[in-house]
Every structure is written in C-alpha cells, then in structure tokens.
C-alpha cells in the first residue's frame, strides 16, 4: 500500500496492526485484532470493526451537518431581520414588533400600577427589544407583561355597608339559618363602626349543599363586591395559590391573582 507522503507498507500484518492502532477507538477491539494470529481472520474482523466505525462517522457527520444547517438558518433569519429593521428606519417606518412594544409601554403607564411594579415592567420591555421573538425567553417575558396588564391595579368597587339592606339580601337568598345570618350582620356592623379594620375570616362549616358558598355570594352582594370561589381541595403545592416562579416552563400566577384579573377589581370577597 502506497500513500502519498507516507512510507510504503507491503506487509499485511503490519498494515493490519497499524490500522487497528489508529482507526479503532476501543482498546478491547484492538486487543481482539492483536490476539488473532490468522491473517485472513484478522482482516475479516478488522473489516467488520472499520465498517462499524465508518457508519458511526457517517451518522455523526449527518448530525453535525444538520446542526450547522439549523445554525446557518438562524443566523440568516437574524441577518435578514436586522436588514429589514435598517431599511424600515431609513424609510421612517416602524416595524410590527417595535409598534407592539410601544403599545405595551403606553398600556403599562396607563394602568397606574405602583412605581416599583411599573419600573419592573418597563425594564422587561427593554429586555424584549434585545431578544428574538422566536426565543422561549421572549414568550416568558411577554406572558409576564400580559398578566401585569390584566391585574386591576387601580380598579376597585365602592363598599356599601347598609345593615338593613344586607339583612334583606340574606333573607332573600336563604331560608332560616337565623343564627348564621345574625353572626354575619354582627360582622358587617362591626366593620361599619370601625371603618378600616383588619381583615376578618368568616368560617362556615357544614356538609355540601347547606349554603356555605351562597352565603359568601350574598355577603359580597350586600357589600357591593365581586365574589370569587376558590376551591383548594386536593391542592398539594402552595404554588397553586401563591403562583409559580418565572423560571419554570409554563409558569402562571396563583389563584388569587387569577381571580382578581378575572373579575377586574382589587376588592374581592
């Protein structure tokens, strides 16, 4: 065998040993070749091992080629987007993404959210400008901003603390339950006298269908507040109530925030 730039090898034994030493990565396979004394058998085994290595290299080459192709497509898309952006800037036009971010910016300032929340939201919008829309991070930030806009930061109902009217509503919605109604009216009366007081929990105990939820609805109606029913039976993770961290895939806010966004007011019952 003559290879340009290399020595001539005429001894098949030496050629077999050299090919095994340089072409086979496994020490076990090299050992098998060295232990086989019959030349024909050695060449047969070497041929099988080399064929396996060739197939392995072909698969690896195919994967590398595919990855390079995908990377090339991503770089090409980025380059074309940058060119499009530059052309639109020269023409004095605004691309769709910039218009969308500008609209988000205006909505955030319009919601009258607290300064620290507004600062955080505007910071996330700045991050969006530097992230490609196809990136998963873009989707996470956009979902976060959408939820911030859904929260009723400044919207709230005006409380109505009219004890006779509350009694009328309770009597309309529920028959009997006089002791329960009396306790509820006491709670409302104390709330009316004290004005801004610490939140109090009313606990109703009883089997299904005895009016626990509907009593809550009646209290909410008498106070002119929105009512949210939040069932926590079977919940094992407090994140279901509190909300998930943004680092998790598909992270969502908790049930309290979701309820506020659903009814569109800060004051719930």
C-alpha atoms as a PDB file:
ATOM      1  CA  UNK A   1       0.000   0.000   0.000  1.00  0.00           C
ATOM      2  CA  UNK A   2       1.433   3.365  -1.082  1.00  0.00           C
ATOM      3  CA  UNK A   3       0.008   6.577   0.411  1.00  0.00           C
ATOM      4  CA  UNK A   4       1.450   9.926  -0.782  1.00  0.00           C
ATOM      5  CA  UNK A   5       3.589  11.492   1.911  1.00  0.00           C
ATOM      6  CA  UNK A   6       3.830   8.222   3.870  1.00  0.00           C
ATOM      7  CA  UNK A   7       6.031   5.146   3.850  1.00  0.00           C
ATOM      8  CA  UNK A   8       5.169   2.141   1.687  1.00  0.00           C
ATOM      9  CA  UNK A   9       3.666  -0.782   3.613  1.00  0.00           C
ATOM     10  CA  UNK A  10       3.865  -4.130   1.871  1.00  0.00           C
ATOM     11  CA  UNK A  11       3.450  -6.389   4.934  1.00  0.00           C
ATOM     12  CA  UNK A  12      -0.280  -7.071   5.554  1.00  0.00           C
ATOM     13  CA  UNK A  13       0.417  -7.998   9.189  1.00  0.00           C
ATOM     14  CA  UNK A  14       1.954  -4.607   9.867  1.00  0.00           C
ATOM     15  CA  UNK A  15      -0.808  -2.871   7.910  1.00  0.00           C
ATOM     16  CA  UNK A  16      -3.475  -4.635   9.981  1.00  0.00           C
ATOM     17  CA  UNK A  17      -1.753  -3.686  13.231  1.00  0.00           C
ATOM     18  CA  UNK A  18      -1.335  -0.071  12.130  1.00  0.00           C
ATOM     19  CA  UNK A  19      -4.970   0.278  11.037  1.00  0.00           C
ATOM     20  CA  UNK A  20      -6.172  -1.268  14.301  1.00  0.00           C
ATOM     21  CA  UNK A  21      -3.933   1.040  16.335  1.00  0.00           C
ATOM     22  CA  UNK A  22      -5.011   4.266  14.611  1.00  0.00           C
ATOM     23  CA  UNK A  23      -8.573   3.582  13.454  1.00  0.00           C
ATOM     24  CA  UNK A  24     -10.152   1.609  16.309  1.00  0.00           C
ATOM     25  CA  UNK A  25     -11.030   3.695  19.405  1.00  0.00           C
ATOM     26  CA  UNK A  26     -11.849   0.711  21.614  1.00  0.00           C
ATOM     27  CA  UNK A  27      -8.965  -0.979  23.442  1.00  0.00           C
ATOM     28  CA  UNK A  28     -10.992  -4.201  23.533  1.00  0.00           C
ATOM     29  CA  UNK A  29     -11.289  -4.288  19.726  1.00  0.00           C
ATOM     30  CA  UNK A  30      -7.554  -3.598  19.338  1.00  0.00           C
ATOM     31  CA  UNK A  31      -6.840  -6.479  21.725  1.00  0.00           C
ATOM     32  CA  UNK A  32      -9.045  -8.830  19.666  1.00  0.00           C
ATOM     33  CA  UNK A  33      -7.104  -7.954  16.481  1.00  0.00           C
ATOM     34  CA  UNK A  34      -3.730  -8.438  18.179  1.00  0.00           C
ATOM     35  CA  UNK A  35      -4.776 -11.801  19.645  1.00  0.00           C
ATOM     36  CA  UNK A  36      -5.959 -13.144  16.273  1.00  0.00           C
ATOM     37  CA  UNK A  37      -2.966 -14.853  14.622  1.00  0.00           C
ATOM     38  CA  UNK A  38      -4.547 -15.980  11.348  1.00  0.00           C
ATOM     39  CA  UNK A  39      -4.113 -13.115   8.845  1.00  0.00           C
ATOM     40  CA  UNK A  40      -7.333 -13.799   6.922  1.00  0.00           C
ATOM     41  CA  UNK A  41      -9.362 -13.900  10.130  1.00  0.00           C
ATOM     42  CA  UNK A  42      -7.668 -10.708  11.387  1.00  0.00           C
ATOM     43  CA  UNK A  43      -8.511  -8.880   8.175  1.00  0.00           C
ATOM     44  CA  UNK A  44     -12.130 -10.081   8.414  1.00  0.00           C
ATOM     45  CA  UNK A  45     -12.523  -8.829  11.984  1.00  0.00           C
ATOM     46  CA  UNK A  46     -10.770  -5.564  11.157  1.00  0.00           C
ATOM     47  CA  UNK A  47     -13.116  -5.074   8.196  1.00  0.00           C
ATOM     48  CA  UNK A  48     -16.178  -5.515  10.467  1.00  0.00           C
ATOM     49  CA  UNK A  49     -14.818  -3.067  13.069  1.00  0.00           C
ATOM     50  CA  UNK A  50     -13.849  -0.496  10.439  1.00  0.00           C
ATOM     51  CA  UNK A  51     -17.262  -0.778   8.772  1.00  0.00           C
ATOM     52  CA  UNK A  52     -18.896  -0.058  12.145  1.00  0.00           C
ATOM     53  CA  UNK A  53     -16.643   2.986  12.640  1.00  0.00           C
ATOM     54  CA  UNK A  54     -17.436   4.287   9.145  1.00  0.00           C
ATOM     55  CA  UNK A  55     -21.183   4.061   9.842  1.00  0.00           C
ATOM     56  CA  UNK A  56     -20.672   5.846  13.169  1.00  0.00           C
ATOM     57  CA  UNK A  57     -18.747   8.651  11.437  1.00  0.00           C
ATOM     58  CA  UNK A  58     -21.471   8.930   8.791  1.00  0.00           C
ATOM     59  CA  UNK A  59     -24.160   9.398  11.460  1.00  0.00           C
ATOM     60  CA  UNK A  60     -22.031  11.951  13.323  1.00  0.00           C
ATOM     61  CA  UNK A  61     -21.339  13.801  10.081  1.00  0.00           C
ATOM     62  CA  UNK A  62     -25.053  13.863   9.280  1.00  0.00           C
ATOM     63  CA  UNK A  63     -25.893  15.280  12.731  1.00  0.00           C
ATOM     64  CA  UNK A  64     -23.159  17.934  12.526  1.00  0.00           C
ATOM     65  CA  UNK A  65     -24.323  18.917   9.039  1.00  0.00           C
ATOM     66  CA  UNK A  66     -27.918  19.232  10.269  1.00  0.00           C
ATOM     67  CA  UNK A  67     -26.889  21.354  13.274  1.00  0.00           C
ATOM     68  CA  UNK A  68     -24.761  23.617  11.085  1.00  0.00           C
ATOM     69  CA  UNK A  69     -27.664  23.990   8.672  1.00  0.00           C
ATOM     70  CA  UNK A  70     -30.032  25.000  11.504  1.00  0.00           C
ATOM     71  CA  UNK A  71     -27.463  27.425  12.901  1.00  0.00           C
ATOM     72  CA  UNK A  72     -26.994  28.876   9.443  1.00  0.00           C
ATOM     73  CA  UNK A  73     -30.764  29.336   9.074  1.00  0.00           C
ATOM     74  CA  UNK A  74     -30.966  31.108  12.462  1.00  0.00           C
ATOM     75  CA  UNK A  75     -28.077  33.414  11.574  1.00  0.00           C
ATOM     76  CA  UNK A  76     -29.620  34.086   8.164  1.00  0.00           C
ATOM     77  CA  UNK A  77     -33.001  34.954   9.733  1.00  0.00           C
ATOM     78  CA  UNK A  78     -31.311  37.274  12.231  1.00  0.00           C
ATOM     79  CA  UNK A  79     -29.308  38.972   9.469  1.00  0.00           C
ATOM     80  CA  UNK A  80     -32.428  39.481   7.332  1.00  0.00           C
ATOM     81  CA  UNK A  81     -34.374  40.881  10.304  1.00  0.00           C
ATOM     82  CA  UNK A  82     -31.594  43.346  11.017  1.00  0.00           C
ATOM     83  CA  UNK A  83     -31.557  44.386   7.352  1.00  0.00           C
ATOM     84  CA  UNK A  84     -35.337  44.817   7.361  1.00  0.00           C
ATOM     85  CA  UNK A  85     -35.118  46.895  10.532  1.00  0.00           C
ATOM     86  CA  UNK A  86     -32.426  49.125   8.985  1.00  0.00           C
ATOM     87  CA  UNK A  87     -34.498  49.599   5.800  1.00  0.00           C
ATOM     88  CA  UNK A  88     -37.613  50.497   7.813  1.00  0.00           C
ATOM     89  CA  UNK A  89     -35.606  53.001   9.853  1.00  0.00           C
ATOM     90  CA  UNK A  90     -34.308  54.603   6.647  1.00  0.00           C
ATOM     91  CA  UNK A  91     -37.852  54.834   5.274  1.00  0.00           C
ATOM     92  CA  UNK A  92     -39.124  56.256   8.548  1.00  0.00           C
ATOM     93  CA  UNK A  93     -41.430  53.260   9.060  1.00  0.00           C
ATOM     94  CA  UNK A  94     -41.973  51.344  12.266  1.00  0.00           C
ATOM     95  CA  UNK A  95     -41.787  47.560  12.284  1.00  0.00           C
ATOM     96  CA  UNK A  96     -44.585  45.499  13.813  1.00  0.00           C
ATOM     97  CA  UNK A  97     -42.538  44.426  16.854  1.00  0.00           C
ATOM     98  CA  UNK A  98     -41.492  47.988  17.718  1.00  0.00           C
ATOM     99  CA  UNK A  99     -45.098  49.162  17.412  1.00  0.00           C
ATOM    100  CA  UNK A 100     -46.227  46.328  19.692  1.00  0.00           C
ATOM    101  CA  UNK A 101     -43.620  47.167  22.346  1.00  0.00           C
ATOM    102  CA  UNK A 102     -44.510  50.844  22.108  1.00  0.00           C
ATOM    103  CA  UNK A 103     -48.166  49.966  22.708  1.00  0.00           C
ATOM    104  CA  UNK A 104     -47.199  47.797  25.705  1.00  0.00           C
ATOM    105  CA  UNK A 105     -45.182  50.669  27.130  1.00  0.00           C
ATOM    106  CA  UNK A 106     -48.173  53.033  26.835  1.00  0.00           C
ATOM    107  CA  UNK A 107     -50.561  50.496  28.421  1.00  0.00           C
ATOM    108  CA  UNK A 108     -48.250  49.970  31.413  1.00  0.00           C
ATOM    109  CA  UNK A 109     -48.055  53.700  32.090  1.00  0.00           C
ATOM    110  CA  UNK A 110     -51.846  53.941  31.760  1.00  0.00           C
ATOM    111  CA  UNK A 111     -52.642  51.219  34.338  1.00  0.00           C
ATOM    112  CA  UNK A 112     -51.482  53.387  37.289  1.00  0.00           C
ATOM    113  CA  UNK A 113     -49.635  50.483  38.882  1.00  0.00           C
ATOM    114  CA  UNK A 114     -47.244  51.128  41.824  1.00  0.00           C
ATOM    115  CA  UNK A 115     -43.913  52.723  40.899  1.00  0.00           C
ATOM    116  CA  UNK A 116     -41.855  49.607  41.700  1.00  0.00           C
ATOM    117  CA  UNK A 117     -44.151  47.415  39.566  1.00  0.00           C
ATOM    118  CA  UNK A 118     -44.085  49.936  36.698  1.00  0.00           C
ATOM    119  CA  UNK A 119     -40.288  50.121  36.871  1.00  0.00           C
ATOM    120  CA  UNK A 120     -40.054  46.320  36.676  1.00  0.00           C
ATOM    121  CA  UNK A 121     -42.481  46.138  33.733  1.00  0.00           C
ATOM    122  CA  UNK A 122     -40.637  48.830  31.749  1.00  0.00           C
ATOM    123  CA  UNK A 123     -37.345  47.038  32.415  1.00  0.00           C
ATOM    124  CA  UNK A 124     -38.810  43.814  30.987  1.00  0.00           C
ATOM    125  CA  UNK A 125     -39.957  45.694  27.867  1.00  0.00           C
ATOM    126  CA  UNK A 126     -36.376  46.885  27.334  1.00  0.00           C
ATOM    127  CA  UNK A 127     -35.242  43.257  27.574  1.00  0.00           C
ATOM    128  CA  UNK A 128     -37.811  42.243  24.939  1.00  0.00           C
ATOM    129  CA  UNK A 129     -36.199  44.632  22.455  1.00  0.00           C
ATOM    130  CA  UNK A 130     -32.945  42.651  22.607  1.00  0.00           C
ATOM    131  CA  UNK A 131     -34.466  39.142  22.475  1.00  0.00           C
ATOM    132  CA  UNK A 132     -35.512  37.435  19.191  1.00  0.00           C
ATOM    133  CA  UNK A 133     -39.303  36.757  19.084  1.00  0.00           C
ATOM    134  CA  UNK A 134     -38.634  33.054  18.426  1.00  0.00           C
ATOM    135  CA  UNK A 135     -36.748  32.705  21.721  1.00  0.00           C
ATOM    136  CA  UNK A 136     -38.557  30.948  24.642  1.00  0.00           C
ATOM    137  CA  UNK A 137     -37.418  33.788  26.933  1.00  0.00           C
ATOM    138  CA  UNK A 138     -39.405  36.232  24.773  1.00  0.00           C
ATOM    139  CA  UNK A 139     -42.556  34.184  25.369  1.00  0.00           C
ATOM    140  CA  UNK A 140     -41.946  34.072  29.174  1.00  0.00           C
ATOM    141  CA  UNK A 141     -41.474  37.848  29.410  1.00  0.00           C
ATOM    142  CA  UNK A 142     -44.479  38.575  27.187  1.00  0.00           C
ATOM    143  CA  UNK A 143     -46.728  36.339  29.316  1.00  0.00           C
ATOM    144  CA  UNK A 144     -45.449  38.085  32.466  1.00  0.00           C
ATOM    145  CA  UNK A 145     -46.250  41.524  30.999  1.00  0.00           C
ATOM    146  CA  UNK A 146     -49.699  40.411  29.830  1.00  0.00           C
ATOM    147  CA  UNK A 147     -50.548  39.291  33.364  1.00  0.00           C
ATOM    148  CA  UNK A 148     -49.264  42.555  34.813  1.00  0.00           C
ATOM    149  CA  UNK A 149     -51.614  44.399  32.475  1.00  0.00           C
ATOM    150  CA  UNK A 150     -54.532  42.112  33.405  1.00  0.00           C
ATOM    151  CA  UNK A 151     -54.237  42.926  37.119  1.00  0.00           C
ATOM    152  CA  UNK A 152     -56.736  45.670  38.108  1.00  0.00           C
ATOM    153  CA  UNK A 153     -54.175  47.900  39.849  1.00  0.00           C
ATOM    154  CA  UNK A 154     -56.435  50.930  40.277  1.00  0.00           C
ATOM    155  CA  UNK A 155     -59.917  49.488  39.743  1.00  0.00           C
ATOM    156  CA  UNK A 156     -61.985  48.788  42.841  1.00  0.00           C
ATOM    157  CA  UNK A 157     -65.639  48.750  43.830  1.00  0.00           C
ATOM    158  CA  UNK A 158     -67.123  51.106  46.404  1.00  0.00           C
ATOM    159  CA  UNK A 159     -68.192  49.302  49.583  1.00  0.00           C
ATOM    160  CA  UNK A 160     -71.846  49.532  50.595  1.00  0.00           C
ATOM    161  CA  UNK A 161     -72.357  48.888  54.309  1.00  0.00           C
ATOM    162  CA  UNK A 162     -76.131  49.058  54.757  1.00  0.00           C
ATOM    163  CA  UNK A 163     -77.178  46.645  57.523  1.00  0.00           C
ATOM    164  CA  UNK A 164     -80.953  46.625  56.778  1.00  0.00           C
ATOM    165  CA  UNK A 165     -80.218  46.066  53.071  1.00  0.00           C
ATOM    166  CA  UNK A 166     -77.738  43.279  53.941  1.00  0.00           C
ATOM    167  CA  UNK A 167     -80.423  41.590  56.105  1.00  0.00           C
ATOM    168  CA  UNK A 168     -82.883  41.847  53.227  1.00  0.00           C
ATOM    169  CA  UNK A 169     -80.407  40.244  50.793  1.00  0.00           C
ATOM    170  CA  UNK A 170     -79.600  37.406  53.219  1.00  0.00           C
ATOM    171  CA  UNK A 171     -83.333  36.718  53.774  1.00  0.00           C
ATOM    172  CA  UNK A 172     -83.982  36.771  50.013  1.00  0.00           C
ATOM    173  CA  UNK A 173     -81.220  34.288  49.261  1.00  0.00           C
ATOM    174  CA  UNK A 174     -81.563  31.905  52.244  1.00  0.00           C
ATOM    175  CA  UNK A 175     -84.416  30.452  54.229  1.00  0.00           C
ATOM    176  CA  UNK A 176     -83.931  30.052  58.008  1.00  0.00           C
ATOM    177  CA  UNK A 177     -80.224  29.958  59.107  1.00  0.00           C
ATOM    178  CA  UNK A 178     -81.098  32.754  61.568  1.00  0.00           C
ATOM    179  CA  UNK A 179     -78.028  32.289  63.795  1.00  0.00           C
ATOM    180  CA  UNK A 180     -75.689  32.334  60.818  1.00  0.00           C
ATOM    181  CA  UNK A 181     -77.351  35.467  59.403  1.00  0.00           C
ATOM    182  CA  UNK A 182     -77.154  37.161  62.795  1.00  0.00           C
ATOM    183  CA  UNK A 183     -73.432  36.432  63.020  1.00  0.00           C
ATOM    184  CA  UNK A 184     -72.889  37.832  59.504  1.00  0.00           C
ATOM    185  CA  UNK A 185     -74.824  41.004  60.349  1.00  0.00           C
ATOM    186  CA  UNK A 186     -72.734  41.404  63.526  1.00  0.00           C
ATOM    187  CA  UNK A 187     -69.609  41.149  61.395  1.00  0.00           C
ATOM    188  CA  UNK A 188     -70.898  43.791  58.959  1.00  0.00           C
ATOM    189  CA  UNK A 189     -71.990  46.099  61.801  1.00  0.00           C
ATOM    190  CA  UNK A 190     -68.547  45.958  63.447  1.00  0.00           C
ATOM    191  CA  UNK A 191     -66.936  46.593  60.052  1.00  0.00           C
ATOM    192  CA  UNK A 192     -69.165  49.647  59.550  1.00  0.00           C
ATOM    193  CA  UNK A 193     -68.409  51.052  63.019  1.00  0.00           C
ATOM    194  CA  UNK A 194     -64.645  50.518  62.880  1.00  0.00           C
ATOM    195  CA  UNK A 195     -64.207  51.631  59.281  1.00  0.00           C
ATOM    196  CA  UNK A 196     -60.744  50.496  58.186  1.00  0.00           C
ATOM    197  CA  UNK A 197     -60.213  47.382  60.250  1.00  0.00           C
ATOM    198  CA  UNK A 198     -58.032  44.299  59.914  1.00  0.00           C
ATOM    199  CA  UNK A 199     -59.405  41.592  57.667  1.00  0.00           C
ATOM    200  CA  UNK A 200     -61.568  39.013  59.413  1.00  0.00           C
ATOM    201  CA  UNK A 201     -62.159  35.442  58.294  1.00  0.00           C
ATOM    202  CA  UNK A 202     -65.711  34.102  58.437  1.00  0.00           C
ATOM    203  CA  UNK A 203     -65.636  30.324  58.639  1.00  0.00           C
ATOM    204  CA  UNK A 204     -68.739  28.357  57.598  1.00  0.00           C
ATOM    205  CA  UNK A 205     -68.744  24.653  58.398  1.00  0.00           C
ATOM    206  CA  UNK A 206     -71.215  22.128  57.060  1.00  0.00           C
ATOM    207  CA  UNK A 207     -71.836  19.338  54.560  1.00  0.00           C
ATOM    208  CA  UNK A 208     -72.197  20.051  50.824  1.00  0.00           C
ATOM    209  CA  UNK A 209     -75.352  21.864  49.747  1.00  0.00           C
ATOM    210  CA  UNK A 210     -76.065  23.663  53.038  1.00  0.00           C
ATOM    211  CA  UNK A 211     -75.436  27.177  51.712  1.00  0.00           C
ATOM    212  CA  UNK A 212     -71.812  27.952  52.583  1.00  0.00           C
ATOM    213  CA  UNK A 213     -70.851  29.269  49.145  1.00  0.00           C
ATOM    214  CA  UNK A 214     -74.169  31.027  48.540  1.00  0.00           C
ATOM    215  CA  UNK A 215     -73.821  32.827  51.898  1.00  0.00           C
ATOM    216  CA  UNK A 216     -70.494  34.191  50.684  1.00  0.00           C
ATOM    217  CA  UNK A 217     -72.164  35.345  47.465  1.00  0.00           C
ATOM    218  CA  UNK A 218     -74.879  37.107  49.470  1.00  0.00           C
ATOM    219  CA  UNK A 219     -72.305  38.883  51.668  1.00  0.00           C
ATOM    220  CA  UNK A 220     -70.424  40.014  48.546  1.00  0.00           C
ATOM    221  CA  UNK A 221     -73.664  41.321  47.008  1.00  0.00           C
ATOM    222  CA  UNK A 222     -74.580  43.201  50.184  1.00  0.00           C
ATOM    223  CA  UNK A 223     -71.098  44.815  50.251  1.00  0.00           C
ATOM    224  CA  UNK A 224     -71.199  45.603  46.505  1.00  0.00           C
ATOM    225  CA  UNK A 225     -68.089  43.486  45.962  1.00  0.00           C
ATOM    226  CA  UNK A 226     -67.170  40.875  43.372  1.00  0.00           C
ATOM    227  CA  UNK A 227     -67.279  37.249  44.500  1.00  0.00           C
ATOM    228  CA  UNK A 228     -64.665  34.630  43.667  1.00  0.00           C
ATOM    229  CA  UNK A 229     -64.977  30.972  44.607  1.00  0.00           C
ATOM    230  CA  UNK A 230     -61.560  29.404  45.090  1.00  0.00           C
ATOM    231  CA  UNK A 231     -61.632  25.690  45.817  1.00  0.00           C
ATOM    232  CA  UNK A 232     -58.404  24.416  47.355  1.00  0.00           C
ATOM    233  CA  UNK A 233     -59.471  20.819  47.899  1.00  0.00           C
ATOM    234  CA  UNK A 234     -56.780  18.418  46.719  1.00  0.00           C
ATOM    235  CA  UNK A 235     -54.112  21.120  46.288  1.00  0.00           C
ATOM    236  CA  UNK A 236     -50.717  19.788  47.395  1.00  0.00           C
ATOM    237  CA  UNK A 237     -48.500  22.625  46.196  1.00  0.00           C
ATOM    238  CA  UNK A 238     -48.827  26.124  47.667  1.00  0.00           C
ATOM    239  CA  UNK A 239     -47.627  27.499  44.315  1.00  0.00           C
ATOM    240  CA  UNK A 240     -51.148  26.776  43.014  1.00  0.00           C
ATOM    241  CA  UNK A 241     -52.354  29.591  45.302  1.00  0.00           C
ATOM    242  CA  UNK A 242     -49.245  31.778  45.534  1.00  0.00           C
ATOM    243  CA  UNK A 243     -48.088  31.373  41.931  1.00  0.00           C
ATOM    244  CA  UNK A 244     -45.073  29.735  40.274  1.00  0.00           C
ATOM    245  CA  UNK A 245     -41.599  31.167  39.780  1.00  0.00           C
ATOM    246  CA  UNK A 246     -40.997  32.618  36.339  1.00  0.00           C
ATOM    247  CA  UNK A 247     -38.073  30.245  35.807  1.00  0.00           C
ATOM    248  CA  UNK A 248     -40.486  27.299  35.459  1.00  0.00           C
ATOM    249  CA  UNK A 249     -41.779  26.423  31.991  1.00  0.00           C
ATOM    250  CA  UNK A 250     -45.413  27.494  31.688  1.00  0.00           C
ATOM    251  CA  UNK A 251     -45.295  29.416  34.984  1.00  0.00           C
ATOM    252  CA  UNK A 252     -48.622  31.017  35.871  1.00  0.00           C
ATOM    253  CA  UNK A 253     -49.812  33.325  38.664  1.00  0.00           C
ATOM    254  CA  UNK A 254     -51.693  31.902  41.631  1.00  0.00           C
ATOM    255  CA  UNK A 255     -55.446  31.631  42.036  1.00  0.00           C
ATOM    256  CA  UNK A 256     -55.782  34.907  43.949  1.00  0.00           C
ATOM    257  CA  UNK A 257     -54.153  36.961  41.178  1.00  0.00           C
ATOM    258  CA  UNK A 258     -56.068  34.996  38.527  1.00  0.00           C
ATOM    259  CA  UNK A 259     -59.324  35.733  40.380  1.00  0.00           C
ATOM    260  CA  UNK A 260     -58.561  39.450  40.548  1.00  0.00           C
ATOM    261  CA  UNK A 261     -57.801  39.523  36.819  1.00  0.00           C
ATOM    262  CA  UNK A 262     -60.998  37.579  36.106  1.00  0.00           C
ATOM    263  CA  UNK A 263     -63.379  39.973  37.906  1.00  0.00           C
ATOM    264  CA  UNK A 264     -61.413  43.136  37.106  1.00  0.00           C
ATOM    265  CA  UNK A 265     -61.290  44.668  40.583  1.00  0.00           C
ATOM    266  CA  UNK A 266     -58.941  44.737  43.572  1.00  0.00           C
ATOM    267  CA  UNK A 267     -61.707  44.244  46.145  1.00  0.00           C
ATOM    268  CA  UNK A 268     -62.965  40.672  46.353  1.00  0.00           C
ATOM    269  CA  UNK A 269     -64.967  38.585  48.738  1.00  0.00           C
END
